Every structure is written in C-alpha cells, then in structure tokens.
Amino acid sequence: MARAFVPSLVHAFRWHLVASMLVNAALSAANVITGPPWWSFWPLLGTAFLLALHYFAYKAVTADERWANDRAEELNLKSYDRSHIEDLKARYRGDARTVKRNP
C-alpha cells in the first residue's frame, strides 16, 4: 500500500520544491525592491523548514533495503579507517584468523 503512495509523494515533493523556489525568489526580489528592513528572512525560513519536513517524509517513504545496502557500501568505501571496518566485519562473521588481538 505504501508503494502506491510513493509516485504521488515524489511528484508532490518535486512540485513543493519548485513552488518553494519560486516563492522564495519572489519574496527575495520584493525585499530587494523595498529595501531594509529585511523582512523576508522569516517567510524564507518558514518555507525552508516546511520543505525540509517534506523531504524527510519523502526519504523515509522511498528508502528501501537496496538503498540502505548501497549507502552502507558507499560509507564503507569512503571510510578513513578501512582496516578497522574489515576487523569488525571479520568479528561479525566469526573469522578469528583475520581479527587482530591486542595483548
């Protein structure tokens, strides 16, 4: 049931993103034309907050097992301490031969 909702959520998020950009551009332009004080800050902050909430909901619904595995592998490959991660993997598998023991 959630999968049927995903395409409409993706479409709604894209629409929300475009609408936010247009509204923010219009507010900023109006504020530049009218000059100080910079009143558009608060509406811009509000629309950014609402867009962030919508993005988090979008990502929560569209994340799946494949995405989680891809993300974990990406983080693993970018790791600065890859040997430590390999040791953790070996411990998890129970492969005592590759695990270094500290005295």
Protein backbone atom coordinates (compact mmCIF):
# COMPACT_ATOMS: atom_id res chain seq x y z
CA MET A 1 0.00 0.00 0.00
CA ALA A 2 2.86 2.38 0.78
CA ARG A 3 4.43 1.70 -2.65
CA ALA A 4 1.33 3.06 -4.41
CA PHE A 5 1.77 6.26 -2.44
CA VAL A 6 5.43 6.72 -3.43
CA PRO A 7 4.98 8.08 -7.01
CA SER A 8 2.49 10.68 -5.81
CA LEU A 9 4.86 11.61 -2.97
CA VAL A 10 7.76 12.02 -5.40
CA HIS A 11 5.61 14.19 -7.66
CA ALA A 12 4.36 16.22 -4.68
CA PHE A 13 7.91 16.76 -3.40
CA ARG A 14 9.12 17.98 -6.80
CA TRP A 15 6.15 20.34 -7.03
CA HIS A 16 6.83 21.59 -3.49
CA LEU A 17 10.50 22.18 -4.32
CA VAL A 18 9.68 24.21 -7.45
CA ALA A 19 6.94 26.16 -5.66
CA SER A 20 9.28 26.95 -2.75
CA MET A 21 11.98 28.16 -5.09
CA LEU A 22 9.55 30.43 -6.95
CA VAL A 23 8.00 31.82 -3.76
CA ASN A 24 11.42 32.41 -2.21
CA ALA A 25 12.67 34.14 -5.35
CA ALA A 26 9.59 36.38 -5.42
CA LEU A 27 9.91 37.23 -1.72
CA SER A 28 13.61 37.98 -2.08
CA ALA A 29 13.01 40.16 -5.13
CA ALA A 30 10.23 42.05 -3.31
CA ASN A 31 12.52 42.55 -0.33
CA VAL A 32 15.35 43.84 -2.51
CA ILE A 33 13.00 46.27 -4.22
CA THR A 34 11.53 47.58 -0.94
CA GLY A 35 14.90 47.69 0.81
CA PRO A 36 15.67 47.31 4.52
CA PRO A 37 14.48 46.04 6.93
CA TRP A 38 14.97 42.51 5.63
CA TRP A 39 11.51 41.17 6.42
CA SER A 40 11.68 38.22 4.00
CA PHE A 41 14.01 36.26 6.29
CA TRP A 42 11.19 34.76 8.36
CA PRO A 43 9.00 33.61 5.46
CA LEU A 44 12.11 32.15 3.80
CA LEU A 45 12.98 30.32 6.99
CA GLY A 46 9.41 29.00 7.28
CA THR A 47 9.30 27.69 3.73
CA ALA A 48 12.72 26.08 4.15
CA PHE A 49 11.54 24.34 7.33
CA LEU A 50 8.39 23.03 5.62
CA LEU A 51 10.40 21.87 2.61
CA ALA A 52 12.84 20.05 4.93
CA LEU A 53 9.95 18.26 6.65
CA HIS A 54 8.55 17.24 3.29
CA TYR A 55 11.99 15.99 2.19
CA PHE A 56 12.40 13.89 5.33
CA ALA A 57 8.96 12.33 4.80
CA TYR A 58 9.83 11.68 1.14
CA LYS A 59 13.13 9.99 2.04
CA ALA A 60 11.53 7.95 4.82
CA VAL A 61 8.95 6.50 2.42
CA THR A 62 11.27 5.95 -0.54
CA ALA A 63 14.15 4.33 1.39
CA ASP A 64 14.30 0.56 0.96
CA GLU A 65 16.70 -2.31 1.60
CA ARG A 66 18.62 -1.72 -1.64
CA TRP A 67 19.15 1.95 -0.77
CA ALA A 68 20.36 1.01 2.73
CA ASN A 69 22.84 -1.52 1.35
CA ASP A 70 24.12 0.92 -1.28
CA ARG A 71 24.51 3.65 1.34
CA ALA A 72 26.34 1.34 3.76
CA GLU A 73 28.73 0.25 1.00
CA GLU A 74 29.34 3.87 -0.01
CA LEU A 75 30.17 4.81 3.56
CA ASN A 76 32.40 1.76 3.87
CA LEU A 77 34.35 2.71 0.75
CA LYS A 78 34.78 6.31 1.92
CA SER A 79 35.98 5.24 5.34
CA TYR A 80 39.30 6.61 6.54
CA ASP A 81 39.92 3.59 8.76
CA ARG A 82 39.04 0.76 6.42
CA SER A 83 41.12 -1.81 8.31
CA HIS A 84 39.05 -1.18 11.42
CA ILE A 85 35.85 -1.83 9.47
CA GLU A 86 37.30 -5.00 7.97
CA ASP A 87 38.19 -6.19 11.51
CA LEU A 88 34.62 -5.54 12.62
CA LYS A 89 33.28 -7.49 9.64
CA ALA A 90 35.62 -10.39 10.43
CA ARG A 91 34.46 -10.41 14.07
CA TYR A 92 30.85 -10.40 12.95
CA ARG A 93 31.49 -13.38 10.66
CA GLY A 94 33.41 -15.14 13.42
CA ASP A 95 36.57 -15.35 11.34
CA ALA A 96 39.16 -15.36 14.15
CA ARG A 97 42.10 -15.71 11.76
CA THR A 98 41.81 -12.15 10.43
CA VAL A 99 41.00 -10.46 13.71
CA LYS A 100 43.97 -8.85 15.44
CA ARG A 101 44.02 -9.31 19.17
CA ASN A 102 45.57 -6.70 21.44
CA PRO A 103 47.61 -8.17 24.36
